[in-house]
Amino acid sequence: MMAMLEKDHAADLIDRPIDEAVEQFRLQWSNPVTSRACHKESGRLVRAVIAAMAGTHGRVPVAGWCRDWALDLLQLAYRGTHDNGYEGALLDILYPPDPLFPEGIDGVLIQLASIIKARLREAYMQRVFERHMDPCDPELRLAIAEEIQHRYYRLLTPELRRKQPFELAGQIPELLTAIRDTRQHVDHLAADPLDD
């Protein structure tokens, strides 16, 4: 189970197809950006990502559903320079945060792709956990909690380090999520060295 939750495995299943879909998704703006255009292009990106994840055998939802889901994701999780949510996305499109490197709608769509990745990783982790964990087997849960605490000790918060494995046995999905988030944060810091 732990091998299925490793970063490289999730990257192969989720991150890589989404990154490839975003890379192929090119925008060429000749008109001023409007809220309608933002909504439309966000929906197109969601549709492209779903198509990439579904492969040749999956069905892709209709455009209207994709636009609505994109709007919901932006509203719930977008963190902008000017504001959060969908209004923050619009403001970041209309007034890019850095005039020397304006990202505009491309920056919003990149963040939308990151939001989708996070949601899909959560769903994937939950499916792996549900498939491989017997909720009626406390010994297995205890053994997994011990292994997590031993293997990922450095990534756990001080509070979680102090807990006994039996206290963590009921929190395994939350532990795995916290470990994954910590790893991503550490990787992000390593990839972006501090300016001198």
Protein backbone atom coordinates (compact mmCIF):
# COMPACT_ATOMS: atom_id res chain seq x y z
CA MET A 1 0.00 0.00 0.00
CA MET A 2 2.77 2.46 0.88
CA ALA A 3 4.41 1.91 -2.53
CA MET A 4 1.15 2.98 -4.22
CA LEU A 5 1.19 6.17 -2.17
CA GLU A 6 4.77 7.08 -2.98
CA LYS A 7 5.26 10.40 -4.74
CA ASP A 8 6.63 8.92 -7.99
CA HIS A 9 3.68 6.55 -8.35
CA ALA A 10 1.15 9.35 -7.88
CA ALA A 11 3.16 11.55 -10.26
CA ASP A 12 2.96 8.89 -12.97
CA LEU A 13 -0.77 8.40 -12.53
CA ILE A 14 -1.93 11.96 -11.90
CA ASP A 15 0.64 14.73 -12.25
CA ARG A 16 2.25 13.70 -15.53
CA PRO A 17 -0.98 13.39 -17.57
CA ILE A 18 -2.26 16.69 -16.19
CA ASP A 19 1.05 18.46 -16.90
CA GLU A 20 1.00 17.11 -20.45
CA ALA A 21 -2.61 18.26 -20.93
CA VAL A 22 -1.75 21.74 -19.65
CA GLU A 23 1.32 21.88 -21.88
CA GLN A 24 -0.80 21.10 -24.95
CA PHE A 25 -3.45 23.58 -23.87
CA ARG A 26 -2.34 26.82 -25.46
CA LEU A 27 -4.23 30.07 -25.27
CA GLN A 28 -4.00 32.87 -27.78
CA TRP A 29 -5.81 36.00 -26.72
CA SER A 30 -6.62 38.69 -29.22
CA ASN A 31 -9.56 40.16 -27.32
CA PRO A 32 -9.72 41.57 -23.81
CA VAL A 33 -10.32 38.92 -21.17
CA THR A 34 -13.81 38.86 -19.76
CA SER A 35 -15.37 36.80 -17.01
CA ARG A 36 -17.17 34.80 -19.69
CA ALA A 37 -13.89 34.05 -21.49
CA CYS A 38 -12.26 33.04 -18.20
CA HIS A 39 -15.14 30.70 -17.42
CA LYS A 40 -15.05 29.21 -20.92
CA GLU A 41 -11.29 28.66 -21.00
CA SER A 42 -11.27 27.23 -17.47
CA GLY A 43 -13.90 24.74 -18.59
CA ARG A 44 -11.85 23.88 -21.67
CA LEU A 45 -8.83 23.19 -19.46
CA VAL A 46 -10.87 20.98 -17.12
CA ARG A 47 -12.20 19.08 -20.15
CA ALA A 48 -8.66 18.63 -21.55
CA VAL A 49 -7.41 17.36 -18.18
CA ILE A 50 -10.32 14.91 -17.82
CA ALA A 51 -9.74 13.67 -21.37
CA ALA A 52 -6.04 13.13 -20.61
CA MET A 53 -6.84 11.27 -17.40
CA ALA A 54 -9.57 9.15 -19.01
CA GLY A 55 -7.41 8.07 -21.93
CA THR A 56 -8.92 6.55 -25.04
CA HIS A 57 -11.51 4.46 -23.20
CA GLY A 58 -13.05 7.08 -20.96
CA ARG A 59 -15.95 9.41 -21.59
CA VAL A 60 -15.43 13.13 -21.24
CA PRO A 61 -18.19 15.19 -19.62
CA VAL A 62 -20.04 17.85 -21.58
CA ALA A 63 -18.55 21.34 -21.81
CA GLY A 64 -21.17 22.91 -19.50
CA TRP A 65 -20.38 20.51 -16.67
CA CYS A 66 -16.65 21.15 -17.09
CA ARG A 67 -17.19 24.93 -16.95
CA ASP A 68 -19.29 24.59 -13.80
CA TRP A 69 -16.72 22.36 -12.11
CA ALA A 70 -13.93 24.78 -13.06
CA LEU A 71 -15.90 27.66 -11.53
CA ASP A 72 -16.51 25.64 -8.35
CA LEU A 73 -12.81 24.73 -8.05
CA LEU A 74 -11.70 28.32 -8.55
CA GLN A 75 -14.27 29.57 -6.07
CA LEU A 76 -13.27 27.04 -3.41
CA ALA A 77 -9.50 26.86 -3.79
CA TYR A 78 -8.02 29.67 -5.91
CA ARG A 79 -5.52 31.80 -3.95
CA GLY A 80 -4.77 34.96 -5.84
CA THR A 81 -2.67 38.04 -5.40
CA HIS A 82 -5.62 40.41 -5.23
CA ASP A 83 -8.26 38.13 -3.70
CA ASN A 84 -9.25 34.48 -3.42
CA GLY A 85 -11.92 32.54 -5.25
CA TYR A 86 -13.30 33.21 -8.69
CA GLU A 87 -13.21 36.99 -8.24
CA GLY A 88 -9.54 36.76 -7.29
CA ALA A 89 -8.88 34.76 -10.46
CA LEU A 90 -10.57 37.44 -12.55
CA LEU A 91 -8.59 40.19 -10.85
CA ASP A 92 -5.33 38.31 -11.42
CA ILE A 93 -6.23 37.99 -15.10
CA LEU A 94 -7.15 41.63 -15.53
CA TYR A 95 -4.37 43.01 -13.31
CA PRO A 96 -1.44 40.54 -13.42
CA PRO A 97 0.55 40.59 -10.16
CA ASP A 98 3.94 41.17 -11.80
CA PRO A 99 3.98 43.59 -14.75
CA LEU A 100 7.40 42.31 -15.90
CA PHE A 101 6.14 38.70 -16.13
CA PRO A 102 2.41 38.91 -16.67
CA GLU A 103 0.80 35.50 -16.44
CA GLY A 104 -2.79 36.64 -16.69
CA ILE A 105 -5.13 33.81 -17.56
CA ASP A 106 -2.24 31.37 -18.04
CA GLY A 107 -1.31 31.80 -14.37
CA VAL A 108 -4.91 31.21 -13.31
CA LEU A 109 -5.15 28.08 -15.46
CA ILE A 110 -1.86 26.75 -14.08
CA GLN A 111 -3.21 27.18 -10.55
CA LEU A 112 -6.47 25.52 -11.62
CA ALA A 113 -4.46 22.54 -12.88
CA SER A 114 -2.69 22.38 -9.49
CA ILE A 115 -6.05 22.43 -7.71
CA ILE A 116 -7.26 19.55 -9.89
CA LYS A 117 -4.06 17.60 -9.16
CA ALA A 118 -4.56 18.04 -5.42
CA ARG A 119 -8.19 16.88 -5.63
CA LEU A 120 -7.31 13.84 -7.72
CA ARG A 121 -4.41 12.90 -5.42
CA GLU A 122 -6.78 13.04 -2.44
CA ALA A 123 -9.29 10.81 -4.21
CA TYR A 124 -6.54 8.41 -5.27
CA MET A 125 -5.15 8.14 -1.74
CA GLN A 126 -8.61 7.50 -0.35
CA ARG A 127 -9.25 4.74 -2.93
CA VAL A 128 -5.92 3.06 -2.16
CA PHE A 129 -6.63 3.24 1.55
CA GLU A 130 -10.16 1.88 1.19
CA ARG A 131 -9.04 -0.94 -1.10
CA HIS A 132 -6.14 -2.11 1.06
CA MET A 133 -7.36 -1.44 4.58
CA ASP A 134 -9.81 -3.63 6.39
CA PRO A 135 -11.64 -1.31 8.80
CA CYS A 136 -12.33 -4.30 11.05
CA ASP A 137 -8.65 -5.26 11.44
CA PRO A 138 -7.19 -3.19 14.29
CA GLU A 139 -3.89 -5.11 14.22
CA LEU A 140 -3.30 -4.15 10.59
CA ARG A 141 -4.12 -0.51 11.31
CA LEU A 142 -1.71 -0.55 14.26
CA ALA A 143 1.05 -2.13 12.13
CA ILE A 144 0.55 0.50 9.42
CA ALA A 145 0.59 3.32 11.98
CA GLU A 146 3.86 1.96 13.42
CA GLU A 147 5.39 1.70 9.94
CA ILE A 148 4.30 5.23 9.02
CA GLN A 149 5.71 6.62 12.27
CA HIS A 150 8.98 4.75 11.78
CA ARG A 151 9.46 5.42 8.05
CA TYR A 152 8.23 9.03 7.93
CA TYR A 153 9.22 10.24 11.38
CA ARG A 154 11.01 13.35 10.07
CA LEU A 155 7.96 14.42 8.09
CA LEU A 156 5.55 14.23 11.00
CA THR A 157 4.70 17.19 13.18
CA PRO A 158 6.13 17.16 16.72
CA GLU A 159 2.63 16.43 18.04
CA LEU A 160 2.28 13.35 15.83
CA ARG A 161 5.78 12.17 16.75
CA ARG A 162 4.86 12.13 20.43
CA LYS A 163 1.73 10.03 19.92
CA GLN A 164 1.74 6.29 20.37
CA PRO A 165 0.97 4.17 17.28
CA PHE A 166 -2.36 3.04 18.76
CA GLU A 167 -3.39 6.71 18.92
CA LEU A 168 -2.57 7.14 15.22
CA ALA A 169 -4.20 3.92 14.01
CA GLY A 170 -7.54 5.66 13.47
CA GLN A 171 -5.96 8.58 11.58
CA ILE A 172 -4.05 6.80 8.83
CA PRO A 173 -5.65 8.64 5.87
CA GLU A 174 -4.99 11.98 7.57
CA LEU A 175 -1.40 10.94 8.34
CA LEU A 176 -0.76 9.97 4.75
CA THR A 177 -2.20 13.25 3.52
CA ALA A 178 -0.05 15.24 5.98
CA ILE A 179 3.07 13.34 4.90
CA ARG A 180 2.30 13.92 1.23
CA ASP A 181 1.69 17.64 1.81
CA THR A 182 4.91 17.99 3.81
CA ARG A 183 6.88 16.22 1.08
CA GLN A 184 5.44 18.52 -1.58
CA HIS A 185 6.28 21.58 0.53
CA VAL A 186 9.85 20.36 1.08
CA ASP A 187 10.24 19.58 -2.63
CA HIS A 188 8.89 23.02 -3.54
CA LEU A 189 11.37 24.72 -1.20
CA ALA A 190 14.24 22.67 -2.61
CA ALA A 191 13.24 23.60 -6.16
CA ASP A 192 13.06 27.33 -5.39
CA PRO A 193 16.33 28.45 -3.76
CA LEU A 194 16.16 31.63 -1.75
CA ASP A 195 17.45 34.79 -3.32
CA ASP A 196 20.64 36.21 -1.86
